[in-house]
C-alpha atoms as a PDB file:
ATOM      1  CA  MET A   1      -8.832  -1.422   3.303  1.00  0.00           C
ATOM      2  CA  LEU A   2     -10.793  -4.004   3.151  1.00  0.00           C
ATOM      3  CA  ASN A   3      -9.835  -6.123   5.462  1.00  0.00           C
ATOM      4  CA  ARG A   4     -10.914  -3.148   7.843  1.00  0.00           C
ATOM      5  CA  MET A   5     -14.005  -3.102   6.207  1.00  0.00           C
ATOM      6  CA  MET A   6     -14.778  -6.913   6.832  1.00  0.00           C
ATOM      7  CA  ILE A   7     -14.718  -5.966  10.830  1.00  0.00           C
ATOM      8  CA  VAL A   8     -16.578  -2.302  10.605  1.00  0.00           C
ATOM      9  CA  ALA A   9     -18.957  -5.499   8.606  1.00  0.00           C
ATOM     10  CA  CYS A  10     -18.660  -8.157  11.250  1.00  0.00           C
ATOM     11  CA  VAL A  11     -18.974  -5.553  14.041  1.00  0.00           C
ATOM     12  CA  LEU A  12     -21.874  -3.764  12.557  1.00  0.00           C
ATOM     13  CA  VAL A  13     -23.640  -7.768  12.045  1.00  0.00           C
ATOM     14  CA  SER A  14     -23.439  -8.400  15.321  1.00  0.00           C
ATOM     15  CA  LEU A  15     -24.626  -5.213  16.831  1.00  0.00           C
ATOM     16  CA  ALA A  16     -27.324  -5.883  14.860  1.00  0.00           C
ATOM     17  CA  ALA A  17     -28.367  -9.419  16.061  1.00  0.00           C
ATOM     18  CA  VAL A  18     -27.878  -7.948  19.688  1.00  0.00           C
ATOM     19  CA  VAL A  19     -29.906  -5.372  19.218  1.00  0.00           C
ATOM     20  CA  VAL A  20     -32.847  -8.034  17.304  1.00  0.00           C
ATOM     21  CA  LEU A  21     -32.168 -10.504  20.904  1.00  0.00           C
ATOM     22  CA  VAL A  22     -32.868  -7.067  23.095  1.00  0.00           C
ATOM     23  CA  ASP A  23     -35.304  -5.439  20.948  1.00  0.00           C
ATOM     24  CA  ARG A  24     -38.131  -8.629  20.656  1.00  0.00           C
ATOM     25  CA  THR A  25     -41.260  -8.439  22.478  1.00  0.00           C
ATOM     26  CA  THR A  26     -42.804 -10.625  24.463  1.00  0.00           C
ATOM     27  CA  PRO A  27     -41.772 -14.157  22.924  1.00  0.00           C
ATOM     28  CA  GLN A  28     -46.000 -14.802  22.466  1.00  0.00           C
ATOM     29  CA  ALA A  29     -46.796 -18.980  24.073  1.00  0.00           C
ATOM     30  CA  MET A  30     -48.795 -20.967  22.379  1.00  0.00           C
ATOM     31  CA  ALA A  31     -50.181 -22.274  25.913  1.00  0.00           C
ATOM     32  CA  HIS A  32     -53.776 -21.038  24.944  1.00  0.00           C
ATOM     33  CA  CYS A  33     -55.046 -18.767  28.140  1.00  0.00           C
ATOM     34  CA  GLN A  34     -54.817 -18.784  31.785  1.00  0.00           C
ATOM     35  CA  VAL A  35     -58.301 -18.480  32.702  1.00  0.00           C
ATOM     36  CA  PRO A  36     -58.504 -21.661  32.816  1.00  0.00           C
ATOM     37  CA  CYS A  37     -61.330 -22.896  30.552  1.00  0.00           C
ATOM     38  CA  GLY A  38     -61.181 -26.314  30.173  1.00  0.00           C
ATOM     39  CA  ILE A  39     -60.514 -26.642  26.965  1.00  0.00           C
ATOM     40  CA  TYR A  40     -56.613 -28.148  26.632  1.00  0.00           C
ATOM     41  CA  ASP A  41     -54.726 -29.915  23.566  1.00  0.00           C
ATOM     42  CA  ASP A  42     -51.908 -32.238  24.613  1.00  0.00           C
ATOM     43  CA  ALA A  43     -51.085 -33.643  21.369  1.00  0.00           C
ATOM     44  CA  SER A  44     -50.842 -30.268  19.893  1.00  0.00           C
ATOM     45  CA  ARG A  45     -49.395 -28.550  22.581  1.00  0.00           C
ATOM     46  CA  LEU A  46     -46.292 -31.444  22.902  1.00  0.00           C
ATOM     47  CA  GLU A  47     -46.048 -32.042  18.842  1.00  0.00           C
ATOM     48  CA  ARG A  48     -45.248 -27.950  18.341  1.00  0.00           C
ATOM     49  CA  MET A  49     -42.582 -28.227  21.598  1.00  0.00           C
ATOM     50  CA  MET A  50     -40.765 -30.795  19.406  1.00  0.00           C
ATOM     51  CA  GLU A  51     -41.064 -29.065  16.387  1.00  0.00           C
ATOM     52  CA  ASP A  52     -39.210 -26.074  18.549  1.00  0.00           C
ATOM     53  CA  ALA A  53     -36.674 -28.575  19.244  1.00  0.00           C
ATOM     54  CA  THR A  54     -36.312 -30.266  15.595  1.00  0.00           C
ATOM     55  CA  THR A  55     -36.319 -26.705  14.559  1.00  0.00           C
ATOM     56  CA  ILE A  56     -33.510 -26.148  17.177  1.00  0.00           C
ATOM     57  CA  GLU A  57     -31.675 -28.882  16.157  1.00  0.00           C
ATOM     58  CA  LYS A  58     -31.860 -27.047  12.359  1.00  0.00           C
ATOM     59  CA  ALA A  59     -30.308 -24.212  13.836  1.00  0.00           C
ATOM     60  CA  VAL A  60     -27.366 -25.931  15.556  1.00  0.00           C
ATOM     61  CA  ALA A  61     -26.892 -27.499  11.778  1.00  0.00           C
ATOM     62  CA  GLN A  62     -27.180 -24.452  10.280  1.00  0.00           C
ATOM     63  CA  MET A  63     -24.676 -22.880  12.974  1.00  0.00           C
ATOM     64  CA  GLY A  64     -21.988 -25.454  12.351  1.00  0.00           C
ATOM     65  CA  ALA A  65     -21.898 -25.574   8.906  1.00  0.00           C
ATOM     66  CA  LEU A  66     -21.571 -21.616   9.133  1.00  0.00           C
ATOM     67  CA  ALA A  67     -18.750 -20.586  11.564  1.00  0.00           C
ATOM     68  CA  GLY A  68     -16.659 -20.737   8.866  1.00  0.00           C
ATOM     69  CA  ARG A  69     -17.038 -18.182   6.826  1.00  0.00           C
ATOM     70  CA  ASP A  70     -15.449 -14.806   7.265  1.00  0.00           C
ATOM     71  CA  ASP A  71     -18.190 -12.723   5.391  1.00  0.00           C
ATOM     72  CA  ALA A  72     -21.114 -10.090   6.169  1.00  0.00           C
ATOM     73  CA  GLN A  73     -23.769 -12.285   4.389  1.00  0.00           C
ATOM     74  CA  GLY A  74     -23.007 -15.789   6.247  1.00  0.00           C
ATOM     75  CA  ARG A  75     -22.326 -13.680   9.928  1.00  0.00           C
ATOM     76  CA  GLN A  76     -25.621 -12.485   8.930  1.00  0.00           C
ATOM     77  CA  GLN A  77     -27.372 -15.739   8.795  1.00  0.00           C
ATOM     78  CA  PHE A  78     -25.541 -17.466  11.300  1.00  0.00           C
ATOM     79  CA  ALA A  79     -27.608 -14.090  13.509  1.00  0.00           C
ATOM     80  CA  ARG A  80     -30.712 -15.217  12.235  1.00  0.00           C
ATOM     81  CA  TRP A  81     -30.253 -19.267  13.100  1.00  0.00           C
ATOM     82  CA  VAL A  82     -28.655 -18.151  17.243  1.00  0.00           C
ATOM     83  CA  THR A  83     -32.337 -16.100  16.920  1.00  0.00           C
ATOM     84  CA  THR A  84     -34.162 -18.656  15.600  1.00  0.00           C
ATOM     85  CA  LYS A  85     -33.080 -21.230  17.951  1.00  0.00           C
ATOM     86  CA  GLU A  86     -32.911 -19.432  20.879  1.00  0.00           C
ATOM     87  CA  ASP A  87     -36.766 -17.845  19.863  1.00  0.00           C
ATOM     88  CA  HIS A  88     -37.490 -21.899  19.581  1.00  0.00           C
ATOM     89  CA  ALA A  89     -36.436 -22.557  22.654  1.00  0.00           C
ATOM     90  CA  SER A  90     -38.438 -19.604  24.952  1.00  0.00           C
ATOM     91  CA  ASN A  91     -41.126 -21.061  22.847  1.00  0.00           C
ATOM     92  CA  ILE A  92     -40.565 -23.934  24.890  1.00  0.00           C
ATOM     93  CA  ILE A  93     -39.640 -22.936  28.310  1.00  0.00           C
ATOM     94  CA  SER A  94     -42.956 -20.936  27.828  1.00  0.00           C
ATOM     95  CA  VAL A  95     -45.330 -23.900  27.055  1.00  0.00           C
ATOM     96  CA  THR A  96     -44.128 -26.044  29.625  1.00  0.00           C
ATOM     97  CA  GLY A  97     -44.555 -23.625  32.531  1.00  0.00           C
ATOM     98  CA  GLU A  98     -47.558 -21.901  31.348  1.00  0.00           C
ATOM     99  CA  TYR A  99     -49.679 -25.413  30.182  1.00  0.00           C
ATOM    100  CA  PHE A 100     -48.284 -27.884  31.699  1.00  0.00           C
ATOM    101  CA  LEU A 101     -47.169 -26.473  34.743  1.00  0.00           C
ATOM    102  CA  THR A 102     -49.311 -24.331  35.495  1.00  0.00           C
ATOM    103  CA  GLN A 103     -52.869 -25.434  34.512  1.00  0.00           C
ATOM    104  CA  LYS A 104     -52.198 -29.596  33.838  1.00  0.00           C
ATOM    105  CA  ILE A 105     -50.360 -30.543  36.741  1.00  0.00           C
ATOM    106  CA  LYS A 106     -52.174 -30.406  39.839  1.00  0.00           C
ATOM    107  CA  PRO A 107     -50.748 -30.084  43.348  1.00  0.00           C
ATOM    108  CA  VAL A 108     -50.694 -32.910  46.168  1.00  0.00           C
ATOM    109  CA  ALA A 109     -50.419 -32.327  49.404  1.00  0.00           C
ATOM    110  CA  LYS A 110     -47.083 -33.532  50.775  1.00  0.00           C
ATOM    111  CA  GLY A 111     -48.231 -37.066  52.761  1.00  0.00           C
ATOM    112  CA  ALA A 112     -50.469 -37.817  50.712  1.00  0.00           C
ATOM    113  CA  GLU A 113     -50.998 -40.447  48.024  1.00  0.00           C
ATOM    114  CA  GLY A 114     -49.735 -39.825  44.929  1.00  0.00           C
ATOM    115  CA  TYR A 115     -46.960 -37.105  46.291  1.00  0.00           C
ATOM    116  CA  ASP A 116     -44.114 -39.038  44.768  1.00  0.00           C
ATOM    117  CA  ALA A 117     -45.347 -39.162  41.622  1.00  0.00           C
ATOM    118  CA  TYR A 118     -46.573 -34.772  41.465  1.00  0.00           C
ATOM    119  CA  LEU A 119     -42.418 -34.935  42.695  1.00  0.00           C
ATOM    120  CA  LYS A 120     -41.684 -37.290  39.395  1.00  0.00           C
ATOM    121  CA  ARG A 121     -43.849 -35.121  37.498  1.00  0.00           C
ATOM    122  CA  LEU A 122     -42.294 -31.658  38.497  1.00  0.00           C
ATOM    123  CA  ALA A 123     -38.802 -32.713  38.514  1.00  0.00           C
ATOM    124  CA  ASP A 124     -39.632 -34.331  34.573  1.00  0.00           C
ATOM    125  CA  HIS A 125     -41.344 -31.037  33.565  1.00  0.00           C
ATOM    126  CA  HIS A 126     -38.549 -28.827  35.016  1.00  0.00           C
ATOM    127  CA  ALA A 127     -35.884 -31.416  32.811  1.00  0.00           C
ATOM    128  CA  VAL A 128     -37.271 -30.460  29.616  1.00  0.00           C
ATOM    129  CA  MET A 129     -37.679 -26.524  30.791  1.00  0.00           C
ATOM    130  CA  VAL A 130     -33.632 -27.242  32.381  1.00  0.00           C
ATOM    131  CA  ALA A 131     -32.604 -29.068  28.751  1.00  0.00           C
ATOM    132  CA  ALA A 132     -33.990 -26.213  26.538  1.00  0.00           C
ATOM    133  CA  MET A 133     -32.367 -23.239  28.416  1.00  0.00           C
ATOM    134  CA  LYS A 134     -28.706 -25.334  28.057  1.00  0.00           C
ATOM    135  CA  CYS A 135     -29.946 -25.603  24.035  1.00  0.00           C
ATOM    136  CA  LYS A 136     -29.808 -21.409  24.786  1.00  0.00           C
ATOM    137  CA  GLN A 137     -26.553 -21.792  25.906  1.00  0.00           C
ATOM    138  CA  ASN A 138     -24.634 -24.378  23.309  1.00  0.00           C
ATOM    139  CA  ALA A 139     -25.115 -25.554  19.995  1.00  0.00           C
ATOM    140  CA  GLY A 140     -24.848 -28.848  20.283  1.00  0.00           C
ATOM    141  CA  ALA A 141     -26.085 -31.622  18.566  1.00  0.00           C
ATOM    142  CA  ALA A 142     -26.269 -33.317  22.179  1.00  0.00           C
ATOM    143  CA  GLU A 143     -28.264 -31.011  24.429  1.00  0.00           C
ATOM    144  CA  VAL A 144     -31.267 -30.975  21.784  1.00  0.00           C
ATOM    145  CA  ALA A 145     -30.904 -34.561  21.662  1.00  0.00           C
ATOM    146  CA  SER A 146     -31.591 -34.285  25.626  1.00  0.00           C
ATOM    147  CA  LEU A 147     -34.355 -31.802  24.816  1.00  0.00           C
ATOM    148  CA  LYS A 148     -36.310 -34.242  22.253  1.00  0.00           C
ATOM    149  CA  GLU A 149     -35.726 -37.084  25.114  1.00  0.00           C
ATOM    150  CA  ALA A 150     -37.369 -35.012  28.205  1.00  0.00           C
ATOM    151  CA  ILE A 151     -39.899 -34.144  25.699  1.00  0.00           C
ATOM    152  CA  GLY A 152     -40.935 -37.192  25.237  1.00  0.00           C
ATOM    153  CA  VAL A 153     -41.108 -38.690  28.566  1.00  0.00           C
ATOM    154  CA  ILE A 154     -43.592 -35.617  29.308  1.00  0.00           C
ATOM    155  CA  GLY A 155     -45.702 -36.694  26.592  1.00  0.00           C
ATOM    156  CA  HIS A 156     -45.805 -40.595  28.318  1.00  0.00           C
ATOM    157  CA  TYR A 157     -47.984 -38.213  31.067  1.00  0.00           C
ATOM    158  CA  TRP A 158     -50.087 -37.135  28.378  1.00  0.00           C
ATOM    159  CA  GLY A 159     -50.879 -40.091  26.691  1.00  0.00           C
ATOM    160  CA  VAL A 160     -48.406 -38.864  23.529  1.00  0.00           C
ATOM    161  CA  GLU A 161     -46.021 -40.817  21.728  1.00  0.00           C
ATOM    162  CA  HIS A 162     -43.341 -38.851  19.918  1.00  0.00           C
ATOM    163  CA  ARG A 163     -43.488 -39.258  16.353  1.00  0.00           C
ATOM    164  CA  HIS A 164     -42.503 -36.308  14.602  1.00  0.00           C
ATOM    165  CA  THR A 165     -39.257 -36.256  12.183  1.00  0.00           C
ATOM    166  CA  ILE A 166     -38.304 -34.568   9.816  1.00  0.00           C
ATOM    167  CA  ASP A 167     -35.400 -34.873   7.227  1.00  0.00           C
ATOM    168  CA  MET A 168     -32.660 -32.734   7.400  1.00  0.00           C
ATOM    169  CA  ARG A 169     -30.883 -33.486   4.657  1.00  0.00           C
END
């Protein structure tokens, strides 16, 4: 009987996590506006993105610690960490797309001076979005490291060196 109750509890917790993931409102990107108003703070955007990546890193660690737990509380906490990981990866994707790609990177015509550098910037910013997507799809430290590295690469374009560190002990 206890085993059956545990299974029912696990199913309910799993369903609740799915409902939360499906029923969330659209993520709010911290990408300022799309007017564009000309008020930019690249360092702040990159710092938030790195903070999001560090939160993903912590979520992955917590998920690993909770993976062996078979009680309802452990499963509930695991679901919350998954949701947190997803939300922060979505923030990174939104800021990269809505702030950097649409407002900061100016198109250069094919054949014009700077076209190759423009393509490199696009590719590097796209790499951030792909790395964040991979963090959503996986729960590994390697994916988080790739994401942080990709954010560091685009920081160089905007004159920002990464200094954000958090002790997760």
